[in-house]
Amino acid sequence: MRYFIELSFNGSAYHGWQNQPNAISVQEVIEKGLSTLLKANISIMGAGRTDTGVHAKQMFAHFDYKSNFDESHLVFKLNSFLPSDIAIHAVFQVKEEAHARFNALSRTYLYRISFKKNAFAFNNTFYVKQVLDIEKMKQATKVLFQYKDFQCFSKSNTDVKTYNCDIMKADWVLVNDELQFTIKADRFLRNMVRAIVGTLINIGLGKINIDDLHTIIQSKNRSEAGFSVPAHALYLIEVEYPKDIKI
């Protein structure tokens, strides 16, 4: 039988979601917890791969197990077993063919920029000292909707068959002393959100023009795009699935 896990995690202590040969990952820690509590060798598949230091306010993964169990009890036991920077919110049975990665309809990311030095937010927002032209940055996001191929924002040497992504939402919003960027798409390439944010910041700083964004995207060249902003201010905040995936 197949089960989904809904969870959140602070990525500061981890080398991303996916298992690494010589580094600790979120996937490894959860697999160890599940295997111990269910007394079986459990492997999980996540909704996506987050980079080192990236956080998730909502993440899903699936695993297979031979029989039924008390789902709420497993949530309680897992939360007792796992470290404080990983929280399990739900475990529920899904259809046998359900897949945490391939059945996801969309993913939404949030990037947080702080304009004031804050001793309590330095490790979860990106502090920018310079003045940004927020209106230009907002205008520039509209360019993203005109394209599907975002190879220019992808890390090189990635094992993907296509660089096409369907961006459904991209916008900047001021929230108190923070400038927040929210972007929603059917899929994301490695480093894509951080490269997009870095490029838009360059527009806000006046280093490049909005029209340059067309040239950058059309180039399909990562070196043409902007810098990659720090991972510690990036959050996966929502993953959507078809409503009938649950049993």
Protein backbone atom coordinates (compact mmCIF):
# COMPACT_ATOMS: atom_id res chain seq x y z
CA MET A 1 0.00 0.00 0.00
CA ARG A 2 1.16 3.52 -0.76
CA TYR A 3 1.17 6.38 1.73
CA PHE A 4 1.83 10.10 1.47
CA ILE A 5 3.60 12.11 4.17
CA GLU A 6 2.99 15.85 4.54
CA LEU A 7 5.84 17.61 6.31
CA SER A 8 7.82 20.81 6.77
CA PHE A 9 11.48 21.38 7.53
CA ASN A 10 14.10 23.99 8.23
CA GLY A 11 16.83 23.23 5.71
CA SER A 12 19.71 25.00 7.48
CA ALA A 13 21.35 21.81 8.75
CA TYR A 14 20.81 19.72 5.61
CA HIS A 15 22.44 19.29 2.22
CA GLY A 16 19.09 19.50 0.50
CA TRP A 17 16.23 17.01 0.32
CA GLN A 18 17.80 14.16 -1.62
CA ASN A 19 20.13 11.52 -0.19
CA GLN A 20 23.83 12.36 -0.54
CA PRO A 21 26.78 9.93 -0.27
CA ASN A 22 28.78 12.03 2.22
CA ALA A 23 26.30 14.53 3.65
CA ILE A 24 23.11 14.54 5.71
CA SER A 25 19.80 15.09 3.89
CA VAL A 26 16.17 15.49 4.94
CA GLN A 27 15.23 12.34 3.01
CA GLU A 28 17.83 10.26 4.87
CA VAL A 29 16.65 11.39 8.31
CA ILE A 30 12.97 10.65 7.55
CA GLU A 31 13.77 7.26 6.00
CA LYS A 32 15.71 6.29 9.11
CA GLY A 33 12.77 7.30 11.32
CA LEU A 34 10.19 5.43 9.24
CA SER A 35 12.36 2.31 8.96
CA THR A 36 12.89 2.23 12.73
CA LEU A 37 9.25 2.75 13.66
CA LEU A 38 7.73 0.47 11.02
CA LYS A 39 10.47 -2.18 11.42
CA ALA A 40 11.06 -2.36 7.67
CA ASN A 41 13.46 -0.92 5.10
CA ILE A 42 11.52 2.18 3.99
CA SER A 43 12.56 4.46 1.14
CA ILE A 44 10.65 7.63 0.27
CA MET A 45 10.19 9.73 -2.87
CA GLY A 46 9.79 13.48 -2.44
CA ALA A 47 7.73 15.96 -4.44
CA GLY A 48 10.98 17.56 -5.59
CA ARG A 49 14.62 18.21 -4.73
CA THR A 50 15.40 21.26 -2.65
CA ASP A 51 18.96 22.61 -2.62
CA THR A 52 21.23 22.80 0.40
CA GLY A 53 19.84 25.25 2.96
CA VAL A 54 16.41 25.67 1.33
CA HIS A 55 13.37 25.33 3.61
CA ALA A 56 9.93 23.80 3.08
CA LYS A 57 6.73 24.95 4.76
CA GLN A 58 4.89 22.22 2.87
CA MET A 59 6.50 19.14 1.35
CA PHE A 60 5.14 15.73 0.40
CA ALA A 61 6.75 12.34 -0.04
CA HIS A 62 5.42 8.84 -0.63
CA PHE A 63 6.44 5.39 0.60
CA ASP A 64 5.14 1.84 0.33
CA TYR A 65 4.32 -0.44 3.25
CA LYS A 66 2.87 -3.93 3.43
CA SER A 67 -0.07 -3.28 5.74
CA ASN A 68 -2.31 -0.76 7.48
CA PHE A 69 -1.27 1.13 10.60
CA ASP A 70 -2.62 3.87 12.85
CA GLU A 71 -1.71 6.95 10.80
CA SER A 72 -2.16 9.52 13.56
CA HIS A 73 -0.10 7.38 15.92
CA LEU A 74 2.72 7.20 13.36
CA VAL A 75 2.66 11.00 13.02
CA PHE A 76 3.01 11.31 16.80
CA LYS A 77 5.83 8.73 16.97
CA LEU A 78 7.70 10.24 14.01
CA ASN A 79 7.57 13.73 15.51
CA SER A 80 8.96 12.31 18.74
CA PHE A 81 11.73 10.49 16.88
CA LEU A 82 12.78 13.15 14.37
CA PRO A 83 14.88 16.25 15.17
CA SER A 84 13.12 19.53 15.92
CA ASP A 85 13.83 20.99 12.46
CA ILE A 86 11.60 18.41 10.72
CA ALA A 87 7.85 18.30 11.46
CA ILE A 88 5.40 15.67 10.20
CA HIS A 89 1.86 17.01 9.71
CA ALA A 90 0.01 14.04 8.23
CA VAL A 91 0.35 10.51 6.90
CA PHE A 92 -2.45 9.20 4.68
CA GLN A 93 -3.10 6.37 2.25
CA VAL A 94 -3.29 7.17 -1.46
CA LYS A 95 -4.00 5.25 -4.65
CA GLU A 96 -1.35 2.67 -5.50
CA GLU A 97 -0.21 4.56 -8.62
CA ALA A 98 -0.02 7.93 -6.85
CA HIS A 99 3.43 9.55 -7.08
CA ALA A 100 4.61 12.45 -4.91
CA ARG A 101 6.77 13.89 -7.70
CA PHE A 102 5.01 13.09 -10.96
CA ASN A 103 1.43 13.68 -9.81
CA ALA A 104 2.12 17.14 -8.39
CA LEU A 105 0.15 19.74 -10.35
CA SER A 106 2.19 22.70 -9.15
CA ARG A 107 4.80 23.90 -6.69
CA THR A 108 4.97 27.36 -5.12
CA TYR A 109 8.11 29.00 -3.75
CA LEU A 110 8.59 32.09 -1.62
CA TYR A 111 11.77 34.20 -1.47
CA ARG A 112 12.19 36.72 1.37
CA ILE A 113 14.32 39.88 1.09
CA SER A 114 14.87 42.09 4.14
CA PHE A 115 15.68 45.80 3.90
CA LYS A 116 16.54 46.20 7.58
CA LYS A 117 19.31 44.45 9.45
CA ASN A 118 17.59 42.07 11.85
CA ALA A 119 19.49 39.97 14.37
CA PHE A 120 16.61 37.49 14.48
CA ALA A 121 16.00 37.14 10.72
CA PHE A 122 19.48 37.04 9.20
CA ASN A 123 19.37 33.26 8.78
CA ASN A 124 15.98 33.10 7.04
CA THR A 125 15.87 36.27 4.89
CA PHE A 126 18.32 37.83 2.41
CA TYR A 127 19.44 41.22 3.70
CA VAL A 128 19.80 43.74 0.83
CA LYS A 129 21.33 47.12 1.74
CA GLN A 130 20.83 48.80 -1.64
CA VAL A 131 17.63 50.55 -2.74
CA LEU A 132 15.68 48.48 -5.26
CA ASP A 133 13.29 49.76 -7.92
CA ILE A 134 10.41 47.48 -6.95
CA GLU A 135 8.11 48.69 -9.74
CA LYS A 136 10.68 47.70 -12.37
CA MET A 137 11.06 44.31 -10.72
CA LYS A 138 7.29 43.83 -10.80
CA GLN A 139 7.17 44.76 -14.48
CA ALA A 140 10.02 42.35 -15.23
CA THR A 141 8.11 39.38 -13.77
CA LYS A 142 5.54 39.77 -16.56
CA VAL A 143 8.24 38.83 -19.07
CA LEU A 144 8.49 35.36 -17.50
CA PHE A 145 4.95 34.49 -18.63
CA GLN A 146 5.97 34.95 -22.27
CA TYR A 147 8.34 31.98 -22.19
CA LYS A 148 8.42 28.24 -21.46
CA ASP A 149 12.12 27.36 -21.87
CA PHE A 150 14.11 28.53 -18.83
CA GLN A 151 17.44 26.85 -19.47
CA CYS A 152 19.19 30.16 -18.74
CA PHE A 153 18.14 29.87 -15.09
CA SER A 154 19.11 26.21 -14.67
CA LYS A 155 22.27 24.76 -13.19
CA SER A 156 24.39 23.19 -15.91
CA ASN A 157 24.87 19.41 -16.18
CA THR A 158 21.40 18.58 -14.88
CA ASP A 159 19.76 15.31 -15.94
CA VAL A 160 16.53 16.78 -17.36
CA LYS A 161 14.95 15.98 -20.70
CA THR A 162 13.38 19.42 -21.08
CA TYR A 163 13.90 22.91 -19.68
CA ASN A 164 10.25 23.83 -20.22
CA CYS A 165 8.24 25.07 -17.23
CA ASP A 166 4.74 26.53 -17.11
CA ILE A 167 4.88 29.54 -14.79
CA MET A 168 1.42 30.25 -13.36
CA LYS A 169 2.23 33.04 -10.93
CA ALA A 170 5.16 35.39 -10.27
CA ASP A 171 4.88 38.55 -8.19
CA TRP A 172 6.63 40.82 -5.69
CA VAL A 173 4.82 42.02 -2.55
CA LEU A 174 5.98 44.34 0.24
CA VAL A 175 5.23 42.92 3.69
CA ASN A 176 6.40 45.30 6.43
CA ASP A 177 10.20 45.46 6.07
CA GLU A 178 10.33 42.53 3.67
CA LEU A 179 10.06 42.26 -0.10
CA GLN A 180 8.65 38.84 -0.90
CA PHE A 181 8.71 37.05 -4.25
CA THR A 182 6.20 34.27 -4.88
CA ILE A 183 6.44 32.04 -7.93
CA LYS A 184 4.23 29.10 -8.90
CA ALA A 185 4.86 26.63 -11.74
CA ASP A 186 4.18 23.06 -12.75
CA ARG A 187 7.88 22.27 -12.24
CA PHE A 188 11.18 24.00 -11.49
CA LEU A 189 14.72 23.45 -12.69
CA ARG A 190 17.67 23.18 -10.32
CA ASN A 191 18.58 26.64 -8.97
CA MET A 192 15.85 28.21 -11.14
CA VAL A 193 14.10 30.31 -8.48
CA ARG A 194 17.33 31.62 -7.00
CA ALA A 195 18.66 32.58 -10.45
CA ILE A 196 15.39 34.32 -11.39
CA VAL A 197 15.44 36.33 -8.14
CA GLY A 198 19.08 37.31 -8.66
CA THR A 199 18.32 38.48 -12.20
CA LEU A 200 15.30 40.49 -11.06
CA ILE A 201 17.38 42.09 -8.30
CA ASN A 202 19.89 43.20 -10.96
CA ILE A 203 16.98 44.89 -12.75
CA GLY A 204 15.94 46.53 -9.48
CA LEU A 205 19.49 47.79 -9.02
CA GLY A 206 19.58 49.22 -12.55
CA LYS A 207 22.41 46.91 -13.65
CA ILE A 208 20.29 45.57 -16.52
CA ASN A 209 17.05 46.67 -18.19
CA ILE A 210 13.72 44.86 -18.40
CA ASP A 211 14.28 44.33 -22.14
CA ASP A 212 17.54 42.53 -21.32
CA LEU A 213 15.49 39.79 -19.67
CA HIS A 214 14.20 38.72 -23.11
CA THR A 215 17.78 38.41 -24.37
CA ILE A 216 18.82 36.45 -21.28
CA ILE A 217 15.99 33.92 -21.56
CA GLN A 218 16.45 33.51 -25.30
CA SER A 219 20.18 32.89 -24.85
CA LYS A 220 19.52 29.66 -22.89
CA ASN A 221 22.87 30.40 -21.24
CA ARG A 222 23.20 30.39 -17.44
CA SER A 223 26.16 32.78 -17.56
CA GLU A 224 23.93 35.45 -19.13
CA ALA A 225 21.50 35.46 -16.19
CA GLY A 226 22.01 37.10 -12.80
CA PHE A 227 23.63 35.80 -9.63
CA SER A 228 22.11 33.04 -7.55
CA VAL A 229 20.67 34.50 -4.35
CA PRO A 230 21.41 32.69 -1.05
CA ALA A 231 19.42 29.52 -0.35
CA HIS A 232 18.56 30.32 3.27
CA ALA A 233 15.80 32.78 2.27
CA LEU A 234 13.99 30.36 -0.09
CA TYR A 235 10.93 28.36 0.99
CA LEU A 236 8.85 25.74 -0.76
CA ILE A 237 5.43 26.77 0.54
CA GLU A 238 2.86 24.68 -1.34
CA VAL A 239 2.57 21.54 -3.46
CA GLU A 240 -0.76 20.85 -5.15
CA TYR A 241 -2.16 17.45 -6.15
CA PRO A 242 -5.38 16.19 -7.79
CA LYS A 243 -8.14 15.98 -5.20
CA ASP A 244 -8.88 12.31 -6.00
CA ILE A 245 -5.37 11.08 -5.13
CA LYS A 246 -6.44 10.12 -1.60
CA ILE A 247 -8.22 6.90 -0.74
